Amino acid sequence: MGIAMSKVFAALFGSKEVRMLILGLDNAGKTTILYRLQADEIEQTVPTIGFNMETLQYKNIKFQVWDLGGQTSIRPYWRCYYPNTDAIIYVVDSADIDRLDIAKQELHAMLEEEELKDSILLVFANKQDQKGALNAAQISEAMGLSDIRNRQWSIKETTATQDASLVTLIAVKLLGSVAIPRGAATNVLRCSSLWQCCRGSCSR
């Protein structure tokens, strides 16, 4: 299990802006988690071809949360969003046993990036409601999390379609004790192409 993180995440509380990336393979549940964070609601989702971004304002803190598509052709573009990232939420489909090794390879390759060396890692062992889903300890072993060095990390079991507490969970992990309330001001960006996002020209 990772180092206890609440105090470390609480250190981010003084920041004016917290930048988070939601990463993982396609169909892991990343966009559902983003909707939970944005509105604490379940919406029908389609595979993210490109990227979604939500900006949530709470008091003097702005949360900028990027949900990046996880398809093979899109993963190379993740690095466009690495600079200035405070935290990574890496979502794993706990029931997709056949692709755990790919998820592991992508995670560890990402953590080698210099621009992410100071980013905190939160792994979601998602889809715990699915038959055959591995628990957090099994996902941790399969993903080689114990091999991670010089980084604060944690893993949590989640079911994004059912867990109404995802907003609070993420907020507590990132800020120690601050929860993002319902009705927080949000700004939604939708990106129509990979290159548009890399150029920073997403449309509202």
N, C-alpha and C. Protein backbone atom coordinates (compact mmCIF):
# COMPACT_ATOMS: atom_id res chain seq x y z
N MET A 1 0.85 -1.18 0.00
CA MET A 1 0.00 0.00 0.00
C MET A 1 0.88 1.23 0.00
N GLY A 2 0.41 2.28 -0.60
CA GLY A 2 1.19 3.50 -0.72
C GLY A 2 1.30 4.21 0.60
N ILE A 3 2.17 5.22 0.64
CA ILE A 3 2.39 6.02 1.83
C ILE A 3 1.12 6.77 2.17
N ALA A 4 0.83 6.90 3.47
CA ALA A 4 -0.35 7.67 3.88
C ALA A 4 -0.28 9.06 3.28
N MET A 5 -1.43 9.48 2.70
CA MET A 5 -1.34 10.63 1.80
C MET A 5 -2.09 11.87 2.25
N SER A 6 -2.94 11.80 3.24
CA SER A 6 -3.80 12.95 3.51
C SER A 6 -3.01 14.21 3.80
N LYS A 7 -1.91 14.10 4.56
CA LYS A 7 -1.13 15.29 4.88
C LYS A 7 -0.42 15.82 3.64
N VAL A 8 0.03 14.89 2.80
CA VAL A 8 0.73 15.30 1.58
C VAL A 8 -0.23 16.04 0.66
N PHE A 9 -1.42 15.47 0.47
CA PHE A 9 -2.40 16.12 -0.39
C PHE A 9 -2.85 17.44 0.21
N ALA A 10 -2.93 17.49 1.55
CA ALA A 10 -3.37 18.72 2.19
C ALA A 10 -2.43 19.87 1.90
N ALA A 11 -1.18 19.54 1.62
CA ALA A 11 -0.20 20.59 1.31
C ALA A 11 -0.59 21.35 0.05
N LEU A 12 -1.42 20.73 -0.80
CA LEU A 12 -1.85 21.40 -2.02
C LEU A 12 -2.93 22.44 -1.76
N PHE A 13 -3.48 22.45 -0.54
CA PHE A 13 -4.61 23.32 -0.24
C PHE A 13 -4.31 24.78 -0.49
N GLY A 14 -3.06 25.18 -0.29
CA GLY A 14 -2.73 26.58 -0.48
C GLY A 14 -2.64 26.99 -1.92
N SER A 15 -2.66 26.04 -2.84
CA SER A 15 -2.54 26.35 -4.25
C SER A 15 -3.81 27.03 -4.76
N LYS A 16 -3.63 27.94 -5.71
CA LYS A 16 -4.76 28.57 -6.36
C LYS A 16 -5.39 27.64 -7.37
N GLU A 17 -4.60 26.72 -7.90
CA GLU A 17 -5.11 25.82 -8.92
C GLU A 17 -4.50 24.44 -8.74
N VAL A 18 -5.34 23.43 -8.85
CA VAL A 18 -4.89 22.04 -8.79
C VAL A 18 -5.21 21.40 -10.13
N ARG A 19 -4.21 20.89 -10.79
CA ARG A 19 -4.38 20.28 -12.11
C ARG A 19 -4.30 18.77 -11.98
N MET A 20 -5.33 18.08 -12.44
CA MET A 20 -5.39 16.63 -12.35
C MET A 20 -5.61 16.02 -13.72
N LEU A 21 -4.98 14.88 -13.97
CA LEU A 21 -5.22 14.10 -15.17
C LEU A 21 -5.91 12.80 -14.79
N ILE A 22 -6.97 12.44 -15.51
CA ILE A 22 -7.60 11.13 -15.35
C ILE A 22 -7.16 10.27 -16.53
N LEU A 23 -6.36 9.26 -16.24
CA LEU A 23 -5.75 8.44 -17.28
C LEU A 23 -6.10 6.96 -17.07
N GLY A 24 -5.84 6.17 -18.09
CA GLY A 24 -6.10 4.74 -18.03
C GLY A 24 -6.50 4.25 -19.41
N LEU A 25 -6.61 2.93 -19.55
CA LEU A 25 -7.00 2.37 -20.84
C LEU A 25 -8.44 2.72 -21.17
N ASP A 26 -8.80 2.56 -22.44
CA ASP A 26 -10.18 2.79 -22.85
C ASP A 26 -11.12 1.84 -22.12
N ASN A 27 -12.32 2.33 -21.83
CA ASN A 27 -13.38 1.56 -21.16
C ASN A 27 -13.07 1.25 -19.70
N ALA A 28 -12.16 2.01 -19.10
CA ALA A 28 -11.86 1.80 -17.68
C ALA A 28 -12.85 2.51 -16.77
N GLY A 29 -13.56 3.51 -17.31
CA GLY A 29 -14.52 4.26 -16.51
C GLY A 29 -14.09 5.68 -16.21
N LYS A 30 -13.15 6.21 -16.97
CA LYS A 30 -12.59 7.54 -16.70
C LYS A 30 -13.62 8.65 -16.84
N THR A 31 -14.40 8.62 -17.92
CA THR A 31 -15.35 9.70 -18.16
C THR A 31 -16.49 9.66 -17.15
N THR A 32 -16.92 8.48 -16.73
CA THR A 32 -17.93 8.38 -15.68
C THR A 32 -17.42 9.01 -14.40
N ILE A 33 -16.15 8.79 -14.08
CA ILE A 33 -15.56 9.41 -12.89
C ILE A 33 -15.53 10.92 -13.05
N LEU A 34 -15.21 11.40 -14.24
CA LEU A 34 -15.21 12.85 -14.48
C LEU A 34 -16.59 13.43 -14.25
N TYR A 35 -17.64 12.77 -14.74
CA TYR A 35 -19.00 13.26 -14.54
C TYR A 35 -19.37 13.24 -13.06
N ARG A 36 -18.92 12.22 -12.35
CA ARG A 36 -19.16 12.17 -10.91
C ARG A 36 -18.52 13.37 -10.22
N LEU A 37 -17.32 13.66 -10.62
CA LEU A 37 -16.60 14.78 -10.02
C LEU A 37 -17.28 16.10 -10.35
N GLN A 38 -17.80 16.21 -11.57
CA GLN A 38 -18.38 17.47 -12.03
C GLN A 38 -19.78 17.69 -11.47
N ALA A 39 -20.61 16.63 -11.43
CA ALA A 39 -22.01 16.83 -11.07
C ALA A 39 -22.56 15.79 -10.11
N ASP A 40 -21.72 14.82 -9.72
CA ASP A 40 -22.16 13.72 -8.85
C ASP A 40 -23.37 13.01 -9.44
N GLU A 41 -23.36 12.85 -10.76
CA GLU A 41 -24.45 12.20 -11.45
C GLU A 41 -23.89 11.14 -12.41
N ILE A 42 -24.75 10.21 -12.79
CA ILE A 42 -24.37 9.21 -13.79
C ILE A 42 -24.95 9.63 -15.13
N GLU A 43 -24.14 9.65 -16.14
CA GLU A 43 -24.60 9.96 -17.49
C GLU A 43 -24.13 8.85 -18.42
N GLN A 44 -24.89 8.63 -19.47
CA GLN A 44 -24.46 7.69 -20.50
C GLN A 44 -23.22 8.27 -21.18
N THR A 45 -22.20 7.46 -21.31
CA THR A 45 -20.96 7.94 -21.91
C THR A 45 -20.63 7.14 -23.16
N VAL A 46 -19.84 7.74 -24.02
CA VAL A 46 -19.31 7.08 -25.20
C VAL A 46 -17.80 7.16 -25.11
N PRO A 47 -17.08 6.29 -25.81
CA PRO A 47 -15.61 6.36 -25.75
C PRO A 47 -15.11 7.76 -26.07
N THR A 48 -14.19 8.24 -25.25
CA THR A 48 -13.65 9.58 -25.44
C THR A 48 -12.63 9.55 -26.57
N ILE A 49 -12.99 10.17 -27.69
CA ILE A 49 -12.06 10.29 -28.82
C ILE A 49 -11.50 11.71 -28.75
N GLY A 50 -10.42 11.84 -28.05
CA GLY A 50 -9.89 13.17 -27.75
C GLY A 50 -9.85 13.35 -26.25
N PHE A 51 -10.37 14.47 -25.76
CA PHE A 51 -10.22 14.79 -24.36
C PHE A 51 -11.41 15.60 -23.86
N ASN A 52 -11.73 15.45 -22.59
CA ASN A 52 -12.72 16.28 -21.92
C ASN A 52 -12.02 17.01 -20.79
N MET A 53 -12.48 18.19 -20.47
CA MET A 53 -11.91 18.93 -19.34
C MET A 53 -13.02 19.60 -18.56
N GLU A 54 -12.95 19.49 -17.23
CA GLU A 54 -13.87 20.19 -16.35
C GLU A 54 -13.06 21.10 -15.44
N THR A 55 -13.54 22.31 -15.25
CA THR A 55 -12.94 23.22 -14.28
C THR A 55 -13.96 23.46 -13.18
N LEU A 56 -13.60 23.10 -11.95
CA LEU A 56 -14.48 23.29 -10.81
C LEU A 56 -13.88 24.34 -9.89
N GLN A 57 -14.68 25.30 -9.51
CA GLN A 57 -14.22 26.37 -8.62
C GLN A 57 -14.80 26.14 -7.24
N TYR A 58 -13.94 26.10 -6.24
CA TYR A 58 -14.38 25.97 -4.85
C TYR A 58 -13.60 26.98 -4.02
N LYS A 59 -14.33 28.00 -3.52
CA LYS A 59 -13.69 29.09 -2.79
C LYS A 59 -12.56 29.67 -3.64
N ASN A 60 -11.34 29.66 -3.12
CA ASN A 60 -10.24 30.25 -3.90
C ASN A 60 -9.43 29.20 -4.66
N ILE A 61 -9.99 28.00 -4.77
CA ILE A 61 -9.26 26.91 -5.41
C ILE A 61 -9.95 26.51 -6.71
N LYS A 62 -9.19 26.40 -7.76
CA LYS A 62 -9.73 25.95 -9.04
C LYS A 62 -9.16 24.58 -9.37
N PHE A 63 -10.04 23.62 -9.58
CA PHE A 63 -9.66 22.27 -9.97
C PHE A 63 -9.77 22.15 -11.48
N GLN A 64 -8.68 21.89 -12.14
CA GLN A 64 -8.70 21.66 -13.58
C GLN A 64 -8.48 20.16 -13.80
N VAL A 65 -9.51 19.48 -14.27
CA VAL A 65 -9.49 18.02 -14.37
C VAL A 65 -9.61 17.60 -15.82
N TRP A 66 -8.59 16.89 -16.31
CA TRP A 66 -8.56 16.43 -17.70
C TRP A 66 -8.83 14.94 -17.75
N ASP A 67 -9.80 14.55 -18.57
CA ASP A 67 -10.11 13.15 -18.86
C ASP A 67 -9.58 12.87 -20.26
N LEU A 68 -8.55 12.05 -20.36
CA LEU A 68 -7.89 11.80 -21.63
C LEU A 68 -8.27 10.43 -22.18
N GLY A 69 -8.59 10.36 -23.46
CA GLY A 69 -8.96 9.10 -24.08
C GLY A 69 -7.89 8.04 -23.91
N GLY A 70 -8.31 6.78 -23.78
CA GLY A 70 -7.36 5.71 -23.48
C GLY A 70 -7.10 4.73 -24.61
N GLN A 71 -7.60 5.02 -25.81
CA GLN A 71 -7.36 4.13 -26.93
C GLN A 71 -5.88 4.11 -27.30
N THR A 72 -5.45 3.03 -27.92
CA THR A 72 -4.04 2.88 -28.29
C THR A 72 -3.53 4.06 -29.10
N SER A 73 -4.33 4.54 -30.03
CA SER A 73 -3.89 5.63 -30.90
C SER A 73 -3.83 6.97 -30.19
N ILE A 74 -4.48 7.08 -29.04
CA ILE A 74 -4.55 8.36 -28.32
C ILE A 74 -3.50 8.46 -27.22
N ARG A 75 -3.10 7.33 -26.65
CA ARG A 75 -2.18 7.37 -25.50
C ARG A 75 -0.90 8.17 -25.76
N PRO A 76 -0.30 8.13 -26.97
CA PRO A 76 0.91 8.94 -27.18
C PRO A 76 0.69 10.43 -26.97
N TYR A 77 -0.57 10.88 -27.05
CA TYR A 77 -0.85 12.30 -26.89
C TYR A 77 -1.03 12.70 -25.42
N TRP A 78 -1.05 11.72 -24.52
CA TRP A 78 -1.16 12.05 -23.10
C TRP A 78 -0.10 13.06 -22.68
N ARG A 79 1.11 12.88 -23.22
CA ARG A 79 2.22 13.72 -22.76
C ARG A 79 2.01 15.20 -23.06
N CYS A 80 1.07 15.51 -23.97
CA CYS A 80 0.77 16.92 -24.23
C CYS A 80 0.26 17.61 -22.97
N TYR A 81 -0.28 16.83 -22.02
CA TYR A 81 -0.93 17.39 -20.85
C TYR A 81 -0.16 17.16 -19.55
N TYR A 82 1.05 16.63 -19.64
CA TYR A 82 1.85 16.36 -18.45
C TYR A 82 2.35 17.60 -17.72
N PRO A 83 2.74 18.66 -18.41
CA PRO A 83 3.33 19.81 -17.69
C PRO A 83 2.39 20.37 -16.62
N ASN A 84 2.98 20.67 -15.46
CA ASN A 84 2.28 21.34 -14.36
C ASN A 84 1.16 20.50 -13.75
N THR A 85 1.25 19.18 -13.88
CA THR A 85 0.23 18.30 -13.30
C THR A 85 0.54 18.04 -11.83
N ASP A 86 -0.45 18.30 -10.96
CA ASP A 86 -0.28 18.07 -9.53
C ASP A 86 -0.61 16.63 -9.13
N ALA A 87 -1.60 16.03 -9.81
CA ALA A 87 -2.04 14.70 -9.42
C ALA A 87 -2.55 13.92 -10.62
N ILE A 88 -2.35 12.61 -10.58
CA ILE A 88 -2.82 11.70 -11.62
C ILE A 88 -3.81 10.73 -11.00
N ILE A 89 -4.99 10.63 -11.58
CA ILE A 89 -5.95 9.60 -11.22
C ILE A 89 -5.86 8.54 -12.32
N TYR A 90 -5.31 7.38 -11.99
CA TYR A 90 -5.14 6.32 -12.98
C TYR A 90 -6.22 5.27 -12.74
N VAL A 91 -7.10 5.11 -13.72
CA VAL A 91 -8.27 4.25 -13.57
C VAL A 91 -8.01 2.90 -14.23
N VAL A 92 -8.24 1.84 -13.47
CA VAL A 92 -8.03 0.47 -13.96
C VAL A 92 -9.35 -0.28 -13.93
N ASP A 93 -9.70 -0.93 -15.02
CA ASP A 93 -10.86 -1.82 -15.05
C ASP A 93 -10.45 -3.11 -14.34
N SER A 94 -10.93 -3.29 -13.12
CA SER A 94 -10.49 -4.41 -12.29
C SER A 94 -10.95 -5.76 -12.83
N ALA A 95 -11.92 -5.75 -13.74
CA ALA A 95 -12.42 -7.00 -14.31
C ALA A 95 -11.80 -7.33 -15.66
N ASP A 96 -11.03 -6.41 -16.20
CA ASP A 96 -10.40 -6.62 -17.51
C ASP A 96 -9.02 -7.25 -17.31
N ILE A 97 -9.03 -8.50 -16.89
CA ILE A 97 -7.79 -9.19 -16.52
C ILE A 97 -6.82 -9.26 -17.69
N ASP A 98 -7.35 -9.46 -18.88
CA ASP A 98 -6.49 -9.66 -20.05
C ASP A 98 -5.64 -8.44 -20.39
N ARG A 99 -6.07 -7.25 -19.95
CA ARG A 99 -5.34 -6.04 -20.32
C ARG A 99 -4.60 -5.39 -19.14
N LEU A 100 -4.54 -6.09 -18.03
CA LEU A 100 -3.85 -5.52 -16.87
C LEU A 100 -2.38 -5.27 -17.17
N ASP A 101 -1.76 -6.16 -17.92
CA ASP A 101 -0.35 -5.97 -18.23
C ASP A 101 -0.13 -4.72 -19.08
N ILE A 102 -1.05 -4.46 -20.00
CA ILE A 102 -0.95 -3.25 -20.82
C ILE A 102 -1.14 -2.02 -19.94
N ALA A 103 -2.12 -2.09 -19.03
CA ALA A 103 -2.36 -0.97 -18.12
C ALA A 103 -1.13 -0.70 -17.27
N LYS A 104 -0.48 -1.78 -16.83
CA LYS A 104 0.75 -1.64 -16.04
C LYS A 104 1.85 -0.98 -16.86
N GLN A 105 2.05 -1.45 -18.07
CA GLN A 105 3.11 -0.88 -18.91
C GLN A 105 2.89 0.61 -19.16
N GLU A 106 1.65 0.98 -19.44
CA GLU A 106 1.34 2.39 -19.70
C GLU A 106 1.57 3.23 -18.46
N LEU A 107 1.18 2.71 -17.31
CA LEU A 107 1.36 3.45 -16.06
C LEU A 107 2.83 3.70 -15.78
N HIS A 108 3.64 2.65 -15.83
CA HIS A 108 5.04 2.80 -15.47
C HIS A 108 5.81 3.62 -16.50
N ALA A 109 5.43 3.52 -17.76
CA ALA A 109 6.06 4.37 -18.78
C ALA A 109 5.73 5.84 -18.51
N MET A 110 4.50 6.10 -18.13
CA MET A 110 4.08 7.46 -17.83
C MET A 110 4.84 8.02 -16.62
N LEU A 111 5.02 7.20 -15.60
CA LEU A 111 5.68 7.66 -14.39
C LEU A 111 7.16 7.95 -14.60
N GLU A 112 7.72 7.48 -15.70
CA GLU A 112 9.11 7.78 -16.03
C GLU A 112 9.29 9.16 -16.63
N GLU A 113 8.19 9.80 -17.00
CA GLU A 113 8.27 11.11 -17.64
C GLU A 113 8.73 12.17 -16.64
N GLU A 114 9.72 12.95 -17.03
CA GLU A 114 10.29 13.97 -16.16
C GLU A 114 9.25 14.98 -15.72
N GLU A 115 8.31 15.31 -16.60
CA GLU A 115 7.32 16.33 -16.27
C GLU A 115 6.32 15.88 -15.22
N LEU A 116 6.31 14.58 -14.91
CA LEU A 116 5.38 14.05 -13.91
C LEU A 116 6.10 13.61 -12.64
N LYS A 117 7.36 13.95 -12.50
CA LYS A 117 8.15 13.43 -11.38
C LYS A 117 7.63 13.88 -10.02
N ASP A 118 6.94 15.01 -9.96
CA ASP A 118 6.41 15.51 -8.69
C ASP A 118 4.91 15.29 -8.55
N SER A 119 4.30 14.61 -9.50
CA SER A 119 2.85 14.40 -9.47
C SER A 119 2.49 13.26 -8.53
N ILE A 120 1.43 13.44 -7.78
CA ILE A 120 0.93 12.42 -6.87
C ILE A 120 0.02 11.47 -7.63
N LEU A 121 0.05 10.20 -7.27
CA LEU A 121 -0.70 9.17 -8.00
C LEU A 121 -1.81 8.58 -7.14
N LEU A 122 -3.03 8.58 -7.69
CA LEU A 122 -4.17 7.91 -7.06
C LEU A 122 -4.70 6.89 -8.06
N VAL A 123 -4.61 5.61 -7.72
CA VAL A 123 -5.09 4.54 -8.60
C VAL A 123 -6.49 4.13 -8.17
N PHE A 124 -7.41 4.09 -9.12
CA PHE A 124 -8.76 3.61 -8.86
C PHE A 124 -8.89 2.19 -9.42
N ALA A 125 -9.07 1.21 -8.53
CA ALA A 125 -9.39 -0.15 -8.95
C ALA A 125 -10.89 -0.16 -9.22
N ASN A 126 -11.27 0.21 -10.42
CA ASN A 126 -12.67 0.51 -10.75
C ASN A 126 -13.44 -0.75 -11.17
N LYS A 127 -14.75 -0.59 -11.27
CA LYS A 127 -15.69 -1.64 -11.69
C LYS A 127 -15.68 -2.82 -10.73
N GLN A 128 -15.68 -2.51 -9.44
CA GLN A 128 -15.69 -3.55 -8.43
C GLN A 128 -16.99 -4.35 -8.42
N ASP A 129 -18.01 -3.83 -9.10
CA ASP A 129 -19.29 -4.53 -9.16
C ASP A 129 -19.31 -5.62 -10.24
N GLN A 130 -18.27 -5.67 -11.07
CA GLN A 130 -18.24 -6.63 -12.17
C GLN A 130 -17.75 -8.00 -11.70
N LYS A 131 -18.32 -9.04 -12.30
CA LYS A 131 -17.92 -10.41 -11.97
C LYS A 131 -16.44 -10.61 -12.28
N GLY A 132 -15.73 -11.18 -11.33
CA GLY A 132 -14.31 -11.47 -11.52
C GLY A 132 -13.38 -10.31 -11.26
N ALA A 133 -13.92 -9.19 -10.78
CA ALA A 133 -13.08 -8.02 -10.51
C ALA A 133 -12.07 -8.32 -9.41
N LEU A 134 -10.84 -7.90 -9.61
CA LEU A 134 -9.80 -8.07 -8.60
C LEU A 134 -9.92 -6.96 -7.57
N ASN A 135 -9.54 -7.27 -6.33
CA ASN A 135 -9.60 -6.25 -5.29
C ASN A 135 -8.36 -5.36 -5.35
N ALA A 136 -8.31 -4.37 -4.48
CA ALA A 136 -7.23 -3.39 -4.53
C ALA A 136 -5.86 -4.04 -4.35
N ALA A 137 -5.76 -5.00 -3.43
CA ALA A 137 -4.47 -5.66 -3.19
C ALA A 137 -4.02 -6.42 -4.43
N GLN A 138 -4.95 -7.09 -5.10
CA GLN A 138 -4.60 -7.85 -6.30
C GLN A 138 -4.22 -6.92 -7.46
N ILE A 139 -4.95 -5.81 -7.59
CA ILE A 139 -4.61 -4.84 -8.63
C ILE A 139 -3.25 -4.22 -8.34
N SER A 140 -2.99 -3.92 -7.08
CA SER A 140 -1.71 -3.33 -6.70
C SER A 140 -0.56 -4.25 -7.09
N GLU A 141 -0.74 -5.55 -6.83
CA GLU A 141 0.31 -6.52 -7.19
C GLU A 141 0.45 -6.64 -8.70
N ALA A 142 -0.68 -6.74 -9.40
CA ALA A 142 -0.64 -6.89 -10.85
C ALA A 142 -0.04 -5.68 -11.54
N MET A 143 -0.25 -4.50 -10.95
CA MET A 143 0.24 -3.26 -11.55
C MET A 143 1.64 -2.90 -11.09
N GLY A 144 2.20 -3.70 -10.17
CA GLY A 144 3.54 -3.43 -9.69
C GLY A 144 3.67 -2.12 -8.93
N LEU A 145 2.63 -1.77 -8.17
CA LEU A 145 2.66 -0.48 -7.47
C LEU A 145 3.73 -0.43 -6.39
N SER A 146 4.06 -1.59 -5.83
CA SER A 146 5.09 -1.60 -4.78
C SER A 146 6.47 -1.26 -5.33
N ASP A 147 6.61 -1.30 -6.65
CA ASP A 147 7.90 -0.96 -7.27
C ASP A 147 8.07 0.54 -7.48
N ILE A 148 7.01 1.30 -7.24
CA ILE A 148 7.07 2.75 -7.45
C ILE A 148 7.92 3.37 -6.35
N ARG A 149 8.87 4.18 -6.74
CA ARG A 149 9.77 4.82 -5.79
C ARG A 149 9.69 6.34 -5.93
N ASN A 150 9.95 7.02 -4.81
CA ASN A 150 10.04 8.48 -4.80
C ASN A 150 8.77 9.16 -5.30
N ARG A 151 7.63 8.60 -4.92
CA ARG A 151 6.36 9.19 -5.32
C ARG A 151 5.28 8.81 -4.29
N GLN A 152 4.43 9.76 -3.96
CA GLN A 152 3.29 9.47 -3.10
C GLN A 152 2.20 8.81 -3.95
N TRP A 153 1.66 7.69 -3.48
CA TRP A 153 0.61 7.01 -4.22
C TRP A 153 -0.35 6.31 -3.28
N SER A 154 -1.53 6.04 -3.80
CA SER A 154 -2.54 5.31 -3.05
C SER A 154 -3.44 4.58 -4.04
N ILE A 155 -4.13 3.54 -3.59
CA ILE A 155 -5.07 2.81 -4.44
C ILE A 155 -6.38 2.64 -3.69
N LYS A 156 -7.49 2.80 -4.40
CA LYS A 156 -8.81 2.67 -3.81
C LYS A 156 -9.71 1.84 -4.72
N GLU A 157 -10.53 0.99 -4.10
CA GLU A 157 -11.54 0.25 -4.86
C GLU A 157 -12.71 1.19 -5.14
N THR A 158 -13.18 1.21 -6.38
CA THR A 158 -14.30 2.08 -6.75
C THR A 158 -15.25 1.37 -7.71
N THR A 159 -16.47 1.85 -7.69
CA THR A 159 -17.47 1.51 -8.70
C THR A 159 -18.08 2.83 -9.12
N ALA A 160 -17.58 3.40 -10.18
CA ALA A 160 -17.93 4.78 -10.54
C ALA A 160 -19.41 4.96 -10.79
N THR A 161 -20.09 3.91 -11.26
CA THR A 161 -21.52 4.04 -11.55
C THR A 161 -22.38 3.99 -10.30
N GLN A 162 -21.78 3.63 -9.17
CA GLN A 162 -22.55 3.48 -7.93
C GLN A 162 -22.04 4.36 -6.80
N ASP A 163 -20.76 4.64 -6.77
CA ASP A 163 -20.18 5.35 -5.64
C ASP A 163 -20.53 6.83 -5.68
N ALA A 164 -21.47 7.23 -4.85
CA ALA A 164 -21.87 8.63 -4.81
C ALA A 164 -20.85 9.48 -4.07
N SER A 165 -19.87 8.83 -3.45
CA SER A 165 -18.88 9.56 -2.65
C SER A 165 -17.60 9.85 -3.41
N LEU A 166 -17.58 9.63 -4.72
CA LEU A 166 -16.34 9.84 -5.47
C LEU A 166 -15.85 11.26 -5.35
N VAL A 167 -16.76 12.22 -5.40
CA VAL A 167 -16.37 13.62 -5.29
C VAL A 167 -15.64 13.86 -3.98
N THR A 168 -16.24 13.38 -2.89
CA THR A 168 -15.63 13.57 -1.58
C THR A 168 -14.31 12.82 -1.48
N LEU A 169 -14.27 11.60 -2.02
CA LEU A 169 -13.04 10.79 -1.96
C LEU A 169 -11.88 11.51 -2.62
N ILE A 170 -12.10 12.00 -3.84
CA ILE A 170 -11.03 12.68 -4.55
C ILE A 170 -10.64 13.96 -3.83
N ALA A 171 -11.63 14.72 -3.38
CA ALA A 171 -11.33 15.98 -2.71
C ALA A 171 -10.55 15.75 -1.42
N VAL A 172 -10.95 14.74 -0.66
CA VAL A 172 -10.25 14.45 0.59
C VAL A 172 -8.82 14.03 0.31
N LYS A 173 -8.63 13.21 -0.71
CA LYS A 173 -7.28 12.77 -1.04
C LYS A 173 -6.42 13.92 -1.52
N LEU A 174 -7.01 14.85 -2.23
CA LEU A 174 -6.22 15.95 -2.79
C LEU A 174 -6.03 17.10 -1.82
N LEU A 175 -7.00 17.30 -0.94
CA LEU A 175 -6.94 18.49 -0.10
C LEU A 175 -7.03 18.19 1.39
N GLY A 176 -7.03 16.94 1.76
CA GLY A 176 -7.02 16.61 3.17
C GLY A 176 -8.39 16.52 3.78
N SER A 177 -9.18 17.58 3.68
CA SER A 177 -10.49 17.57 4.31
C SER A 177 -11.53 18.40 3.58
N VAL A 178 -11.21 18.89 2.40
CA VAL A 178 -12.13 19.76 1.68
C VAL A 178 -12.94 18.96 0.68
N ALA A 179 -14.24 19.06 0.71
CA ALA A 179 -15.11 18.40 -0.25
C ALA A 179 -15.63 19.41 -1.25
N ILE A 180 -15.74 19.00 -2.51
CA ILE A 180 -16.31 19.85 -3.53
C ILE A 180 -17.82 19.72 -3.43
N PRO A 181 -18.56 20.78 -3.15
CA PRO A 181 -20.00 20.68 -2.96
C PRO A 181 -20.76 20.55 -4.27
N ARG A 182 -21.97 20.03 -4.18
CA ARG A 182 -22.85 20.06 -5.34
C ARG A 182 -23.09 21.50 -5.73
N GLY A 183 -23.21 21.75 -7.01
CA GLY A 183 -23.49 23.10 -7.44
C GLY A 183 -22.27 23.98 -7.58
N ALA A 184 -21.07 23.42 -7.37
CA ALA A 184 -19.87 24.23 -7.56
C ALA A 184 -19.82 24.69 -9.01
N ALA A 185 -19.34 25.90 -9.23
CA ALA A 185 -19.28 26.44 -10.59
C ALA A 185 -18.38 25.58 -11.45
N THR A 186 -18.84 25.25 -12.64
CA THR A 186 -18.05 24.41 -13.53
C THR A 186 -17.97 25.01 -14.91
N ASN A 187 -16.91 24.63 -15.60
CA ASN A 187 -16.71 25.08 -16.97
C ASN A 187 -16.33 23.86 -17.79
N VAL A 188 -17.10 23.55 -18.81
CA VAL A 188 -16.89 22.33 -19.59
C VAL A 188 -16.26 22.67 -20.92
N LEU A 189 -15.17 21.98 -21.24
CA LEU A 189 -14.54 22.13 -22.55
C LEU A 189 -14.66 20.82 -23.29
N ARG A 190 -14.88 20.89 -24.57
CA ARG A 190 -14.94 19.70 -25.40
C ARG A 190 -13.94 19.85 -26.54
N CYS A 191 -13.15 18.84 -26.79
CA CYS A 191 -12.11 18.91 -27.81
C CYS A 191 -12.50 18.06 -29.01
N SER A 192 -12.41 18.63 -30.18
CA SER A 192 -12.84 17.92 -31.38
C SER A 192 -11.72 17.19 -32.08
N SER A 193 -10.48 17.48 -31.73
CA SER A 193 -9.37 16.78 -32.38
C SER A 193 -8.17 16.74 -31.45
N LEU A 194 -7.31 15.74 -31.69
CA LEU A 194 -6.12 15.59 -30.86
C LEU A 194 -5.21 16.80 -30.99
N TRP A 195 -4.98 17.24 -32.22
CA TRP A 195 -4.04 18.34 -32.44
C TRP A 195 -4.58 19.64 -31.88
N GLN A 196 -5.90 19.81 -31.92
CA GLN A 196 -6.50 21.01 -31.35
C GLN A 196 -6.17 21.09 -29.86
N CYS A 197 -6.27 19.96 -29.17
CA CYS A 197 -5.98 19.95 -27.74
C CYS A 197 -4.51 20.23 -27.47
N CYS A 198 -3.63 19.63 -28.24
CA CYS A 198 -2.21 19.83 -28.03
C CYS A 198 -1.81 21.28 -28.28
N ARG A 199 -2.58 21.97 -29.11
CA ARG A 199 -2.29 23.39 -29.36
C ARG A 199 -2.96 24.28 -28.33
N GLY A 200 -3.76 23.66 -27.44
CA GLY A 200 -4.43 24.44 -26.41
C GLY A 200 -5.59 25.26 -26.93
N SER A 201 -6.25 24.81 -28.00
CA SER A 201 -7.33 25.59 -28.60
C SER A 201 -8.67 24.87 -28.52
N CYS A 202 -8.94 24.24 -27.37
CA CYS A 202 -10.22 23.56 -27.18
C CYS A 202 -11.35 24.58 -27.20
N SER A 203 -12.51 24.15 -27.70
CA SER A 203 -13.66 25.05 -27.77
C SER A 203 -14.60 24.83 -26.60
N ARG A 204 -15.31 25.88 -26.22
CA ARG A 204 -16.28 25.78 -25.13
C ARG A 204 -17.62 25.34 -25.69
